[in-house]
Amino acid sequence: METEQERQWRKETARQDGEVDSILLIGQSNMCGRGIIGQVPPIDPEGKMFMLRNGRWQPMSEPINPDRQVFAKSDVEFRSGVSLAASFAQEYAHAYDRKVGLIPCADGGTKLIEWQPGEILFDHAVMQAKLAQRSSKICGILWHQGESDSREPADVAAYAERFFCMLDAMVRALGLDETVPVIVGEITLLTGKRWPLAAEINGELHKIAASRPNMDIASAEGLTLSADGVHFDSASYRVFGRRYFEAYRRARRRVCKKENGQ
């Protein structure tokens, strides 16, 4: 259940005319979601869970972030499908008894350098988020990315600097409070030589999450991969989304305590 501090935080930060708490989804393919549709039960939006389509809120259904083909000839082909966002939204709606809207802007196979201010992915996310702000209050940012930056030591070394360059510019562009919760997630260590510096990227993600009170990290421990050997399977996405929400709640509670002088 939502604590009294959280209720007060939401009351003070919510738009007077907005009914939806929106969440910006950015990163690469494991944020988009590559789980096979039908391998897990669909999540009923219950009239509380929405996704942005053409600047308007539509009932949530997967794929939420269709950046690639939806129908594939075999299970090893990449496709848009089940993602962590759906179970995150379900946990959010149930915990806070609020309408939640997802703003899908992730794109598979992208490097962090492609998310810098002035790049297409950055501008697209800002554009979509601004459309969402017409009818909602952005209450969080979810980021999952790092696989494409786990091949070269130079990308690992520059990861934190590039991340905060992107994040801080995005927060300014959207006029968000600097205390808006931002959640990152670990990348898998199960792909072997494909992403040789995955553990090092996770180290950077942990440092990023620990650097600010409004940030936290979702663990990928124990999650399993789909038949493509690269992305999480559908069941793991459901688990990962719930972990993202728990991380979100930890960050939100820290912000509430800080603002109340605790």
Protein backbone atom coordinates (compact mmCIF):
# COMPACT_ATOMS: atom_id res chain seq x y z
CA MET A 1 0.00 0.00 0.00
CA GLU A 2 1.03 3.61 -0.58
CA THR A 3 2.45 5.29 2.53
CA GLU A 4 1.20 8.65 3.80
CA GLN A 5 4.48 10.26 2.71
CA GLU A 6 4.07 8.83 -0.78
CA ARG A 7 0.49 10.06 -1.00
CA GLN A 8 1.61 13.54 0.00
CA TRP A 9 4.47 13.44 -2.54
CA ARG A 10 2.10 12.42 -5.32
CA LYS A 11 -0.49 15.03 -4.29
CA GLU A 12 2.10 17.81 -4.34
CA THR A 13 3.69 16.81 -7.65
CA ALA A 14 0.66 15.71 -9.69
CA ARG A 15 -0.82 17.98 -12.32
CA GLN A 16 -4.11 19.51 -11.28
CA ASP A 17 -5.72 18.45 -14.56
CA GLY A 18 -3.92 15.13 -15.15
CA GLU A 19 -5.41 11.76 -14.25
CA VAL A 20 -2.51 9.60 -15.46
CA ASP A 21 0.88 8.96 -13.85
CA SER A 22 3.17 8.35 -16.81
CA ILE A 23 6.43 6.42 -17.05
CA LEU A 24 9.05 7.01 -19.77
CA LEU A 25 10.60 3.82 -21.18
CA ILE A 26 14.03 4.23 -22.80
CA GLY A 27 16.97 2.00 -23.69
CA GLN A 28 17.47 -0.91 -26.05
CA SER A 29 15.84 -4.25 -26.85
CA ASN A 30 15.34 -5.68 -23.37
CA MET A 31 13.36 -2.55 -22.52
CA CYS A 32 11.42 -2.87 -25.78
CA GLY A 33 10.65 -6.50 -24.93
CA ARG A 34 11.41 -9.56 -27.04
CA GLY A 35 9.31 -12.13 -25.17
CA ILE A 36 7.14 -14.42 -27.27
CA ILE A 37 3.47 -13.49 -27.10
CA GLY A 38 1.40 -16.35 -25.65
CA GLN A 39 4.10 -17.84 -23.44
CA VAL A 40 2.72 -16.00 -20.40
CA PRO A 41 -0.85 -14.91 -19.67
CA PRO A 42 -1.65 -11.39 -20.88
CA ILE A 43 -2.02 -8.68 -18.26
CA ASP A 44 -5.50 -7.20 -18.06
CA PRO A 45 -5.18 -3.38 -18.14
CA GLU A 46 -8.20 -3.16 -15.81
CA GLY A 47 -9.01 0.33 -17.05
CA LYS A 48 -5.92 1.58 -15.19
CA MET A 49 -2.97 0.71 -17.48
CA PHE A 50 -2.34 2.58 -20.70
CA MET A 51 0.27 3.09 -23.41
CA LEU A 52 0.91 6.11 -25.59
CA ARG A 53 -0.20 5.75 -29.20
CA ASN A 54 -0.28 8.77 -31.54
CA GLY A 55 -0.08 11.06 -28.53
CA ARG A 56 -3.14 9.55 -26.86
CA TRP A 57 -3.66 6.93 -24.18
CA GLN A 58 -4.84 3.51 -25.29
CA PRO A 59 -5.45 0.43 -23.10
CA MET A 60 -2.18 -1.37 -22.49
CA SER A 61 -1.49 -4.47 -24.56
CA GLU A 62 1.70 -6.14 -25.72
CA PRO A 63 3.84 -5.40 -27.58
CA ILE A 64 3.97 -2.07 -25.77
CA ASN A 65 7.14 -0.91 -27.56
CA PRO A 66 6.89 -2.29 -31.13
CA ASP A 67 10.27 -1.25 -32.54
CA ARG A 68 10.65 -4.40 -34.67
CA GLN A 69 8.48 -6.99 -36.41
CA VAL A 70 5.81 -8.58 -34.25
CA PHE A 71 5.41 -11.88 -36.11
CA ALA A 72 8.54 -13.96 -36.69
CA LYS A 73 9.04 -17.24 -38.57
CA SER A 74 10.89 -18.94 -35.70
CA ASP A 75 11.53 -18.49 -31.98
CA VAL A 76 15.15 -17.52 -32.61
CA GLU A 77 14.21 -14.47 -34.69
CA PHE A 78 14.02 -11.13 -32.95
CA ARG A 79 10.53 -9.70 -32.53
CA SER A 80 8.60 -7.15 -30.50
CA GLY A 81 6.66 -8.87 -27.75
CA VAL A 82 6.32 -9.30 -24.01
CA SER A 83 8.28 -6.73 -21.99
CA LEU A 84 9.05 -5.78 -18.41
CA ALA A 85 6.85 -2.67 -18.73
CA ALA A 86 3.56 -4.54 -18.45
CA SER A 87 4.20 -6.13 -15.07
CA PHE A 88 5.74 -2.87 -13.84
CA ALA A 89 2.53 -1.05 -14.77
CA GLN A 90 0.42 -3.71 -13.07
CA GLU A 91 2.38 -3.40 -9.82
CA TYR A 92 2.23 0.39 -9.99
CA ALA A 93 -1.52 0.54 -10.59
CA HIS A 94 -2.23 -1.91 -7.78
CA ALA A 95 0.17 -0.36 -5.26
CA TYR A 96 -0.89 3.26 -5.76
CA ASP A 97 -4.44 2.80 -7.06
CA ARG A 98 -3.61 5.14 -9.92
CA LYS A 99 -3.94 5.13 -13.68
CA VAL A 100 -0.50 4.60 -15.18
CA GLY A 101 0.55 5.38 -18.73
CA LEU A 102 3.62 3.96 -20.46
CA ILE A 103 5.59 6.11 -22.92
CA PRO A 104 7.49 3.59 -25.11
CA CYS A 105 10.62 5.05 -26.71
CA ALA A 106 13.23 2.27 -26.52
CA ASP A 107 14.99 1.00 -29.64
CA GLY A 108 16.79 -2.31 -29.99
CA GLY A 109 20.51 -2.62 -30.65
CA THR A 110 21.30 0.99 -29.75
CA LYS A 111 24.39 2.30 -27.98
CA LEU A 112 24.35 4.98 -25.30
CA ILE A 113 26.12 7.40 -27.63
CA GLU A 114 22.99 7.26 -29.80
CA TRP A 115 20.91 8.56 -26.88
CA GLN A 116 22.87 11.77 -26.41
CA PRO A 117 21.20 15.21 -26.71
CA GLY A 118 20.63 16.13 -30.33
CA GLU A 119 20.52 12.51 -31.52
CA ILE A 120 17.34 11.11 -33.05
CA LEU A 121 16.54 8.74 -30.16
CA PHE A 122 16.88 11.53 -27.58
CA ASP A 123 14.73 13.91 -29.62
CA HIS A 124 12.11 11.23 -30.24
CA ALA A 125 11.84 10.40 -26.53
CA VAL A 126 11.48 14.07 -25.63
CA MET A 127 8.84 14.57 -28.31
CA GLN A 128 6.78 11.59 -27.15
CA ALA A 129 7.15 12.54 -23.50
CA LYS A 130 5.98 16.09 -24.21
CA LEU A 131 2.89 14.71 -25.92
CA ALA A 132 2.25 12.57 -22.85
CA GLN A 133 2.67 15.60 -20.58
CA ARG A 134 -0.42 17.16 -22.13
CA SER A 135 -2.55 14.65 -20.24
CA SER A 136 -0.30 13.17 -17.57
CA LYS A 137 2.43 13.77 -15.02
CA ILE A 138 5.72 11.97 -15.70
CA CYS A 139 6.41 10.12 -12.45
CA GLY A 140 9.38 8.00 -13.44
CA ILE A 141 11.95 6.98 -16.04
CA LEU A 142 12.91 3.35 -16.68
CA TRP A 143 16.20 2.63 -18.47
CA HIS A 144 17.54 -0.71 -19.65
CA GLN A 145 20.57 -0.59 -21.89
CA GLY A 146 24.23 -1.53 -21.90
CA GLU A 147 24.55 -4.67 -23.97
CA SER A 148 25.70 -2.72 -27.04
CA ASP A 149 28.26 -0.86 -24.91
CA SER A 150 29.75 -4.02 -23.41
CA ARG A 151 32.18 -4.83 -26.20
CA GLU A 152 34.72 -2.00 -26.01
CA PRO A 153 36.55 -0.82 -22.85
CA ALA A 154 36.23 2.79 -24.00
CA ASP A 155 32.44 2.54 -23.99
CA VAL A 156 32.47 1.10 -20.48
CA ALA A 157 34.78 3.86 -19.25
CA ALA A 158 32.53 6.56 -20.73
CA TYR A 159 29.24 4.97 -19.72
CA ALA A 160 28.41 6.92 -16.55
CA GLU A 161 29.37 10.28 -18.05
CA ARG A 162 27.30 9.63 -21.16
CA PHE A 163 24.36 8.39 -19.11
CA PHE A 164 24.15 11.49 -16.94
CA CYS A 165 24.68 13.76 -19.94
CA MET A 166 21.60 12.13 -21.51
CA LEU A 167 19.53 11.98 -18.34
CA ASP A 168 20.15 15.50 -17.10
CA ALA A 169 19.47 16.97 -20.54
CA MET A 170 16.25 14.98 -20.80
CA VAL A 171 15.07 16.08 -17.37
CA ARG A 172 15.73 19.72 -18.31
CA ALA A 173 14.04 19.38 -21.71
CA LEU A 174 10.89 17.98 -20.08
CA GLY A 175 10.88 20.37 -17.14
CA LEU A 176 10.91 17.49 -14.68
CA ASP A 177 11.79 17.77 -11.02
CA GLU A 178 15.29 16.45 -10.44
CA THR A 179 13.88 14.05 -7.85
CA VAL A 180 11.78 12.07 -10.37
CA PRO A 181 12.61 8.37 -9.79
CA VAL A 182 14.98 6.87 -12.38
CA ILE A 183 15.45 3.11 -12.45
CA VAL A 184 18.13 1.20 -14.33
CA GLY A 185 18.44 -2.56 -14.70
CA GLU A 186 21.29 -5.02 -14.85
CA ILE A 187 22.09 -6.66 -18.18
CA THR A 188 22.39 -10.44 -18.43
CA LEU A 189 25.70 -12.22 -17.93
CA LEU A 190 24.50 -15.35 -19.77
CA THR A 191 25.53 -14.45 -23.31
CA GLY A 192 29.22 -15.29 -22.95
CA LYS A 193 31.48 -13.85 -25.63
CA ARG A 194 28.73 -11.85 -27.31
CA TRP A 195 28.96 -9.17 -24.61
CA PRO A 196 32.37 -9.75 -23.01
CA LEU A 197 32.24 -6.70 -20.73
CA ALA A 198 28.70 -7.22 -19.41
CA ALA A 199 29.88 -7.52 -15.80
CA GLU A 200 31.78 -4.25 -16.14
CA ILE A 201 28.69 -2.50 -17.52
CA ASN A 202 26.70 -3.81 -14.57
CA GLY A 203 29.33 -2.34 -12.30
CA GLU A 204 28.82 1.04 -13.92
CA LEU A 205 25.04 0.70 -13.64
CA HIS A 206 25.34 0.00 -9.91
CA LYS A 207 27.54 3.08 -9.45
CA ILE A 208 25.01 5.18 -11.37
CA ALA A 209 22.11 3.88 -9.26
CA ALA A 210 23.96 4.58 -6.02
CA SER A 211 24.95 8.12 -6.97
CA ARG A 212 21.58 9.82 -6.41
CA PRO A 213 18.75 9.21 -3.92
CA ASN A 214 16.10 9.17 -6.65
CA MET A 215 17.82 6.30 -8.48
CA ASP A 216 17.87 2.53 -7.96
CA ILE A 217 18.65 -0.66 -9.86
CA ALA A 218 16.73 -3.84 -10.69
CA SER A 219 18.65 -7.10 -10.47
CA ALA A 220 18.75 -9.53 -13.39
CA GLU A 221 19.95 -12.40 -11.19
CA GLY A 222 18.22 -15.68 -11.97
CA LEU A 223 16.49 -14.43 -15.11
CA THR A 224 16.64 -16.75 -18.10
CA LEU A 225 16.99 -16.18 -21.83
CA SER A 226 14.69 -16.91 -24.72
CA ALA A 227 15.52 -19.21 -27.62
CA ASP A 228 17.36 -16.37 -29.38
CA GLY A 229 20.07 -16.57 -26.69
CA VAL A 230 20.18 -12.79 -26.32
CA HIS A 231 16.98 -11.53 -24.74
CA PHE A 232 15.08 -12.50 -21.61
CA ASP A 233 12.22 -14.94 -22.00
CA SER A 234 8.62 -13.95 -21.38
CA ALA A 235 8.43 -15.28 -17.82
CA SER A 236 11.64 -13.44 -16.90
CA TYR A 237 10.26 -10.17 -18.27
CA ARG A 238 7.31 -10.50 -15.89
CA VAL A 239 9.73 -10.99 -12.97
CA PHE A 240 12.00 -8.18 -14.14
CA GLY A 241 9.10 -5.73 -14.35
CA ARG A 242 8.17 -6.47 -10.75
CA ARG A 243 11.80 -5.95 -9.72
CA TYR A 244 11.83 -2.62 -11.55
CA PHE A 245 8.76 -1.59 -9.56
CA GLU A 246 10.34 -2.58 -6.25
CA ALA A 247 13.41 -0.51 -7.19
CA TYR A 248 11.11 2.35 -8.18
CA ARG A 249 9.34 2.17 -4.85
CA ARG A 250 12.64 2.22 -2.93
CA ALA A 251 13.76 5.32 -4.82
CA ARG A 252 10.40 7.04 -4.39
CA ARG A 253 10.41 6.41 -0.66
CA ARG A 254 13.93 7.81 -0.31
CA VAL A 255 12.84 10.95 -2.12
CA CYS A 256 9.82 11.29 0.16
CA LYS A 257 11.94 10.90 3.29
CA LYS A 258 14.50 13.41 2.06
CA GLU A 259 11.83 15.98 1.24
CA ASN A 260 10.36 15.51 4.72
CA GLY A 261 13.76 16.02 6.35
CA GLN A 262 14.18 12.43 7.52
